[in-house]
Amino acid sequence: MADPPADGAPATRRRARRGAVVRGSNRDGLRKYSELVSEIGWLLDGDPAIRWQVLSDLEHATPDSIAAERTMVEHQGWGSRLLSFEGPDGLWDGGACFPAAYAGGEPGQPWTATMHTLQTLQILGLDPTSESARRAIALVAEHGRWEHAGQRYFDGEVEPCINGRTIETGAYFGVDVSTIVERVIDEVLGDGGWNCEAENGSVRSSFDTTINVLDGLLEFERTTGGSPEVRAARRNAEEYLLERHLFRRKTNSEIVDAAYLEFAFPYYWHYDVLRALDYFRRSDAARDPRMAEGVELVRSKRQPDGRWLLDRIHPGRVHFDIESGVGTPSRWNTLRCLRVLDWWEGTV
């Protein structure tokens, strides 16, 4: 049976080289090829935030094509909708971590305040040089104050989980967050990670806090070049996760939290295995065998149609639902899982 045509979709050609379709492939091989074509097509039918990242990370399209699609995040779909909720002072729902009028008593945590919205806009890929981004960041810097003690937004506050996310969005959107970086490096615990409860006496790191700081330091390094101290802190924190095989206790190998095995989007401050693997992918880390169990978890969740489902939605008030609901096909999880598997298998 003949190979698929050489002028097929770039993503499928790339995966064919990985071995999905090879010379002399049989009917099963062609079925896999067809599924890959369908899978990419389904992603490209989604929001501009999905489309530009598919073009960039899965299809390796031309820079001009990627940039043109990315520009649409500001003007269409999820990105445009999130920007529409920005207040005149540049804040979302009037607050930094919590809405201005928040009095508790709601299910979960409200995700409508500035920190969570900026993080989501960053994940969507809002161009940091866009007019909307420049305006919002300038206003947040001017008006944003943390609920903890009124600290200026991009000065951070006391919890490393919050500061890690502030480093990430600040660095991404071009803000100098070096003072917060210095603080979190000084707060590394003895086992290599971080814990928001350290101020209350905790001496053991947490997966959740550690991944937030890792994401922040990686983005800071990407945009500024970082420093030997930043790189050393990242390596030590990565080892904290790897020693635990991304989701197990170091002492007895038990699963730390079953929720870590469920892939959520948006993830906000929460840890899960897919978020950790996507971090290692973005950092171009070596494919450490201690990640293998997590990678197999990703593979095991792939549905017969080649897609991944949304396993979890973290409860709380939102501006709008980004995906259809738990148990439904998730473009975000599918995109992230495909990227992780490509990286792990050496395709990228």
Protein backbone atom coordinates (compact mmCIF):
# COMPACT_ATOMS: atom_id res chain seq x y z
CA MET A 1 0.00 0.00 0.00
CA ALA A 2 1.44 3.38 -0.94
CA ASP A 3 2.64 5.95 1.56
CA PRO A 4 0.44 9.02 2.16
CA PRO A 5 1.20 11.83 -0.27
CA ALA A 6 4.29 13.90 0.52
CA ASP A 7 2.32 17.13 0.35
CA GLY A 8 -0.05 16.21 3.19
CA ALA A 9 -0.63 18.27 6.32
CA PRO A 10 2.68 19.24 7.97
CA ALA A 11 1.68 17.79 11.33
CA THR A 12 0.84 14.41 9.86
CA ARG A 13 4.04 14.36 7.80
CA ARG A 14 5.99 15.01 10.97
CA ARG A 15 4.24 12.24 12.85
CA ALA A 16 4.70 9.89 9.93
CA ARG A 17 8.43 10.32 10.34
CA ARG A 18 7.96 9.37 13.99
CA GLY A 19 6.62 6.04 12.83
CA ALA A 20 2.83 6.42 12.70
CA VAL A 21 2.98 5.57 8.99
CA VAL A 22 6.00 3.87 7.43
CA ARG A 23 6.83 2.38 4.05
CA GLY A 24 4.76 -0.71 3.51
CA SER A 25 2.35 0.21 6.30
CA ASN A 26 -0.83 -1.85 6.60
CA ARG A 27 -4.44 -0.86 7.08
CA ASP A 28 -3.93 -0.22 10.80
CA GLY A 29 -1.11 2.17 9.98
CA LEU A 30 -3.30 4.13 7.59
CA ARG A 31 -6.06 4.22 10.18
CA LYS A 32 -3.61 5.80 12.66
CA TYR A 33 -2.57 8.28 10.00
CA SER A 34 -6.21 9.19 9.36
CA GLU A 35 -6.82 9.66 13.08
CA LEU A 36 -3.87 12.04 13.31
CA VAL A 37 -5.23 14.11 10.43
CA SER A 38 -8.63 14.23 12.13
CA GLU A 39 -7.10 15.11 15.48
CA ILE A 40 -5.17 18.11 14.11
CA GLY A 41 -8.19 19.24 12.11
CA TRP A 42 -10.33 19.17 15.24
CA LEU A 43 -7.80 21.31 17.08
CA LEU A 44 -7.62 23.77 14.20
CA ASP A 45 -11.40 24.15 14.33
CA GLY A 46 -11.01 25.60 17.82
CA ASP A 47 -10.25 29.00 19.32
CA PRO A 48 -7.42 31.18 17.95
CA ALA A 49 -5.50 30.45 21.18
CA ILE A 50 -5.51 26.77 20.26
CA ARG A 51 -4.91 27.32 16.56
CA TRP A 52 -1.74 29.39 16.82
CA GLN A 53 -0.18 26.93 19.25
CA VAL A 54 -1.05 24.01 16.97
CA LEU A 55 0.59 25.85 14.08
CA SER A 56 3.64 26.59 16.21
CA ASP A 57 4.15 23.41 18.19
CA LEU A 58 2.54 20.62 16.16
CA GLU A 59 2.60 21.76 12.53
CA HIS A 60 5.74 23.95 12.66
CA ALA A 61 4.17 26.44 10.29
CA THR A 62 5.91 29.55 9.00
CA PRO A 63 6.54 32.35 11.51
CA ASP A 64 4.23 34.67 9.58
CA SER A 65 1.36 32.15 9.70
CA ILE A 66 1.84 31.63 13.43
CA ALA A 67 2.01 35.35 14.16
CA ALA A 68 -1.08 36.09 12.10
CA GLU A 69 -3.12 33.51 14.00
CA ARG A 70 -1.73 34.58 17.36
CA THR A 71 -2.78 38.16 16.69
CA MET A 72 -6.40 36.98 16.71
CA VAL A 73 -6.21 36.03 20.42
CA GLU A 74 -6.59 39.72 21.24
CA HIS A 75 -9.62 40.17 19.00
CA GLN A 76 -11.57 36.91 18.93
CA GLY A 77 -12.61 34.05 21.14
CA TRP A 78 -11.50 33.39 24.69
CA GLY A 79 -8.80 36.06 24.76
CA SER A 80 -11.08 38.81 23.53
CA ARG A 81 -13.79 37.75 25.97
CA LEU A 82 -11.42 37.80 28.96
CA LEU A 83 -10.14 41.23 27.96
CA SER A 84 -13.72 42.49 27.83
CA PHE A 85 -14.08 41.89 31.58
CA GLU A 86 -11.18 44.20 32.45
CA GLY A 87 -12.23 47.14 34.60
CA PRO A 88 -11.37 50.81 33.91
CA ASP A 89 -8.55 50.53 36.47
CA GLY A 90 -7.04 47.58 34.59
CA LEU A 91 -8.08 45.03 37.20
CA TRP A 92 -10.40 42.10 36.78
CA ASP A 93 -13.25 41.92 39.30
CA GLY A 94 -11.59 44.71 41.25
CA GLY A 95 -8.97 42.60 43.01
CA ALA A 96 -5.56 40.99 42.78
CA CYS A 97 -6.09 37.43 44.06
CA PHE A 98 -9.75 37.76 45.04
CA PRO A 99 -12.64 39.86 43.72
CA ALA A 100 -13.06 43.15 45.51
CA ALA A 101 -16.49 42.21 46.84
CA TYR A 102 -15.53 38.65 47.83
CA ALA A 103 -16.84 37.70 51.27
CA GLY A 104 -16.37 33.94 51.16
CA GLY A 105 -19.11 31.36 51.29
CA GLU A 106 -18.85 30.37 47.62
CA PRO A 107 -18.05 26.89 46.30
CA GLY A 108 -14.36 26.64 45.59
CA GLN A 109 -12.30 29.75 44.95
CA PRO A 110 -13.34 32.60 42.63
CA TRP A 111 -11.10 32.66 39.55
CA THR A 112 -12.23 36.03 38.20
CA ALA A 113 -9.66 38.33 39.80
CA THR A 114 -6.59 39.77 38.12
CA MET A 115 -3.98 37.12 38.92
CA HIS A 116 -5.99 34.22 37.50
CA THR A 117 -7.11 36.17 34.44
CA LEU A 118 -3.61 37.34 33.56
CA GLN A 119 -2.33 33.80 33.92
CA THR A 120 -5.04 32.52 31.57
CA LEU A 121 -4.32 35.26 29.04
CA GLN A 122 -0.68 34.28 29.12
CA ILE A 123 -1.51 30.61 28.54
CA LEU A 124 -3.80 31.62 25.67
CA GLY A 125 -0.80 33.42 24.21
CA LEU A 126 -1.95 37.03 24.19
CA ASP A 127 0.89 38.86 22.50
CA PRO A 128 2.66 40.83 25.27
CA THR A 129 3.39 43.61 22.76
CA SER A 130 -0.27 43.99 21.79
CA GLU A 131 -2.12 47.19 22.62
CA SER A 132 -4.48 45.40 25.01
CA ALA A 133 -1.64 43.73 26.90
CA ARG A 134 0.44 46.90 27.24
CA ARG A 135 -2.55 48.86 28.47
CA ALA A 136 -3.64 46.23 30.97
CA ILE A 137 -0.18 45.65 32.43
CA ALA A 138 0.45 49.38 32.88
CA LEU A 139 -2.86 49.77 34.72
CA VAL A 140 -2.31 46.69 36.89
CA ALA A 141 1.11 48.03 37.85
CA GLU A 142 -0.47 51.35 38.77
CA HIS A 143 -3.60 50.17 40.58
CA GLY A 144 -3.08 46.54 41.56
CA ARG A 145 -2.58 45.88 45.27
CA TRP A 146 -2.37 42.52 47.03
CA GLU A 147 -5.02 41.73 49.61
CA HIS A 148 -2.35 40.52 52.03
CA ALA A 149 -0.95 43.93 52.98
CA GLY A 150 -1.54 46.27 50.07
CA GLN A 151 1.74 45.48 48.31
CA ARG A 152 2.03 46.71 44.73
CA TYR A 153 1.03 43.95 42.34
CA PHE A 154 4.36 43.36 40.62
CA ASP A 155 6.26 43.59 43.90
CA GLY A 156 4.61 40.32 44.91
CA GLU A 157 3.52 39.37 48.42
CA VAL A 158 4.51 36.72 50.98
CA GLU A 159 3.30 33.40 49.54
CA PRO A 160 5.65 31.74 47.04
CA CYS A 161 2.72 30.15 45.18
CA ILE A 162 1.36 33.64 44.45
CA ASN A 163 4.81 35.06 43.82
CA GLY A 164 5.68 32.29 41.39
CA ARG A 165 2.62 33.06 39.29
CA THR A 166 3.36 36.80 39.51
CA ILE A 167 6.90 36.17 38.29
CA GLU A 168 5.56 34.15 35.37
CA THR A 169 3.00 36.66 34.15
CA GLY A 170 5.21 39.63 34.95
CA ALA A 171 8.16 38.24 33.01
CA TYR A 172 5.92 37.20 30.12
CA PHE A 173 4.38 40.67 29.84
CA GLY A 174 7.72 42.45 30.14
CA VAL A 175 7.69 43.62 33.76
CA ASP A 176 10.84 43.66 35.90
CA VAL A 177 10.12 41.06 38.58
CA SER A 178 13.73 40.45 39.62
CA THR A 179 13.01 41.47 43.22
CA ILE A 180 10.39 38.73 43.57
CA VAL A 181 12.77 36.25 41.94
CA GLU A 182 15.41 37.05 44.54
CA ARG A 183 12.85 36.51 47.27
CA VAL A 184 11.72 33.07 46.13
CA ILE A 185 15.31 31.91 45.66
CA ASP A 186 15.96 32.88 49.27
CA GLU A 187 12.89 30.88 50.34
CA VAL A 188 13.90 27.48 48.92
CA LEU A 189 13.30 24.75 51.48
CA GLY A 190 15.75 22.03 52.37
CA ASP A 191 14.22 19.47 50.02
CA GLY A 192 14.58 21.81 47.04
CA GLY A 193 11.06 23.14 46.56
CA TRP A 194 8.66 25.65 48.07
CA ASN A 195 5.55 25.66 50.23
CA CYS A 196 3.07 28.48 50.83
CA GLU A 197 2.80 27.24 54.41
CA ALA A 198 6.49 27.91 55.13
CA GLU A 199 5.54 31.17 56.84
CA ASN A 200 3.46 29.05 59.23
CA GLY A 201 6.34 26.72 59.99
CA SER A 202 6.23 24.09 57.24
CA VAL A 203 9.64 22.74 56.30
CA ARG A 204 8.47 20.38 53.54
CA SER A 205 7.80 21.48 50.00
CA SER A 206 4.48 21.05 48.22
CA PHE A 207 3.93 19.99 44.62
CA ASP A 208 1.48 22.83 44.04
CA THR A 209 3.69 25.66 45.25
CA THR A 210 6.78 24.20 43.63
CA ILE A 211 5.28 24.00 40.14
CA ASN A 212 4.05 27.59 40.41
CA VAL A 213 7.53 28.83 41.24
CA LEU A 214 9.14 26.61 38.60
CA ASP A 215 6.84 28.00 35.92
CA GLY A 216 7.72 31.51 37.05
CA LEU A 217 11.48 30.99 37.11
CA LEU A 218 11.41 29.30 33.71
CA GLU A 219 9.57 32.24 32.15
CA PHE A 220 11.92 34.70 33.88
CA GLU A 221 14.89 32.79 32.47
CA ARG A 222 13.32 32.67 29.00
CA THR A 223 12.72 36.42 28.85
CA THR A 224 15.79 37.75 30.70
CA GLY A 225 18.43 35.03 30.39
CA GLY A 226 18.19 34.31 34.11
CA SER A 227 21.23 33.79 36.29
CA PRO A 228 23.25 30.90 37.75
CA GLU A 229 21.18 31.21 40.93
CA VAL A 230 17.90 30.91 39.03
CA ARG A 231 19.12 27.90 37.08
CA ALA A 232 20.37 26.20 40.25
CA ALA A 233 17.05 26.80 42.00
CA ARG A 234 15.16 25.34 39.06
CA ARG A 235 17.36 22.26 38.89
CA ASN A 236 16.96 21.58 42.60
CA ALA A 237 13.18 21.99 42.42
CA GLU A 238 12.99 19.77 39.36
CA GLU A 239 14.85 17.11 41.34
CA TYR A 240 12.27 17.45 44.11
CA LEU A 241 9.56 16.44 41.61
CA LEU A 242 11.65 13.78 39.89
CA GLU A 243 12.64 12.08 43.13
CA ARG A 244 8.91 11.60 43.66
CA HIS A 245 8.27 10.42 40.09
CA LEU A 246 5.99 13.48 39.64
CA PHE A 247 3.20 12.24 41.92
CA ARG A 248 4.46 9.82 44.57
CA ARG A 249 5.67 10.20 48.13
CA LYS A 250 9.40 9.82 48.50
CA THR A 251 9.03 7.86 51.72
CA ASN A 252 6.70 5.05 50.60
CA SER A 253 5.93 5.67 46.89
CA GLU A 254 2.23 6.14 47.57
CA ILE A 255 0.30 8.57 45.39
CA VAL A 256 0.37 11.96 47.10
CA ASP A 257 -3.03 13.09 45.84
CA ALA A 258 -5.30 11.32 43.37
CA ALA A 259 -6.18 14.74 41.92
CA TYR A 260 -2.63 14.97 40.57
CA LEU A 261 -3.56 12.22 38.10
CA GLU A 262 -6.47 14.26 36.68
CA PHE A 263 -5.77 16.80 33.97
CA ALA A 264 -7.50 20.14 34.53
CA PHE A 265 -7.74 23.30 32.50
CA PRO A 266 -7.38 26.04 33.48
CA TYR A 267 -5.14 24.78 36.26
CA TYR A 268 -4.58 28.09 38.15
CA TRP A 269 -2.37 27.27 41.17
CA HIS A 270 -3.06 23.54 41.11
CA TYR A 271 -0.54 20.83 40.28
CA ASP A 272 -1.13 17.81 38.10
CA VAL A 273 1.12 15.42 36.18
CA LEU A 274 0.34 16.95 32.78
CA ARG A 275 1.23 20.43 34.02
CA ALA A 276 4.54 19.08 35.36
CA LEU A 277 5.39 17.27 32.13
CA ASP A 278 4.51 20.35 30.10
CA TYR A 279 6.91 22.33 32.28
CA PHE A 280 9.72 19.85 31.58
CA ARG A 281 8.88 19.99 27.87
CA ARG A 282 9.06 23.77 27.78
CA SER A 283 12.34 23.73 29.67
CA ASP A 284 13.76 21.26 27.13
CA ALA A 285 14.75 19.00 29.99
CA ALA A 286 16.44 15.65 29.50
CA ARG A 287 13.97 12.78 29.26
CA ASP A 288 14.53 11.42 32.73
CA PRO A 289 13.29 7.84 33.30
CA ARG A 290 11.61 9.03 36.49
CA MET A 291 9.09 10.82 34.26
CA ALA A 292 8.15 7.62 32.43
CA GLU A 293 5.27 6.68 34.71
CA GLY A 294 3.74 10.11 34.18
CA VAL A 295 4.15 9.84 30.41
CA GLU A 296 2.42 6.46 30.46
CA LEU A 297 -0.44 8.08 32.38
CA VAL A 298 -0.76 10.61 29.55
CA ARG A 299 -0.80 7.85 26.96
CA SER A 300 -3.36 5.84 28.92
CA LYS A 301 -5.85 8.70 28.87
CA ARG A 302 -5.91 8.99 25.10
CA GLN A 303 -9.34 8.15 23.71
CA PRO A 304 -9.95 5.92 20.66
CA ASP A 305 -10.48 9.03 18.52
CA GLY A 306 -7.04 10.35 19.51
CA ARG A 307 -8.36 13.04 21.84
CA TRP A 308 -8.06 13.59 25.57
CA LEU A 309 -10.92 14.45 27.91
CA LEU A 310 -11.18 17.20 30.50
CA ASP A 311 -10.69 15.30 33.77
CA ARG A 312 -11.33 18.08 36.25
CA ILE A 313 -12.53 21.66 36.61
CA HIS A 314 -11.30 23.42 39.72
CA PRO A 315 -14.46 24.74 41.40
CA GLY A 316 -15.09 28.43 41.67
CA ARG A 317 -16.61 31.44 40.00
CA VAL A 318 -15.36 32.09 36.44
CA HIS A 319 -15.94 34.70 33.76
CA PHE A 320 -17.14 31.95 31.42
CA ASP A 321 -16.52 28.27 30.76
CA ILE A 322 -13.56 27.72 28.47
CA GLU A 323 -14.41 24.11 27.68
CA SER A 324 -17.57 22.04 27.67
CA GLY A 325 -17.25 20.20 30.96
CA VAL A 326 -15.68 17.30 32.80
CA GLY A 327 -15.66 14.13 30.73
CA THR A 328 -15.93 15.92 27.39
CA PRO A 329 -13.18 16.13 24.74
CA SER A 330 -10.72 18.87 25.66
CA ARG A 331 -8.79 20.76 23.03
CA TRP A 332 -6.47 22.14 25.68
CA ASN A 333 -5.63 18.76 27.14
CA THR A 334 -5.29 17.25 23.67
CA LEU A 335 -2.90 20.00 22.57
CA ARG A 336 -0.83 19.74 25.75
CA CYS A 337 -0.70 15.94 25.70
CA LEU A 338 0.37 15.85 22.06
CA ARG A 339 3.14 18.34 22.75
CA VAL A 340 4.36 16.33 25.72
CA LEU A 341 4.38 13.07 23.77
CA ASP A 342 6.19 14.66 20.83
CA TRP A 343 8.84 15.98 23.20
CA TRP A 344 9.17 12.69 25.05
CA GLU A 345 9.46 10.70 21.85
CA GLY A 346 12.03 13.07 20.43
CA THR A 347 9.88 14.26 17.54
CA VAL A 348 10.31 17.95 18.29
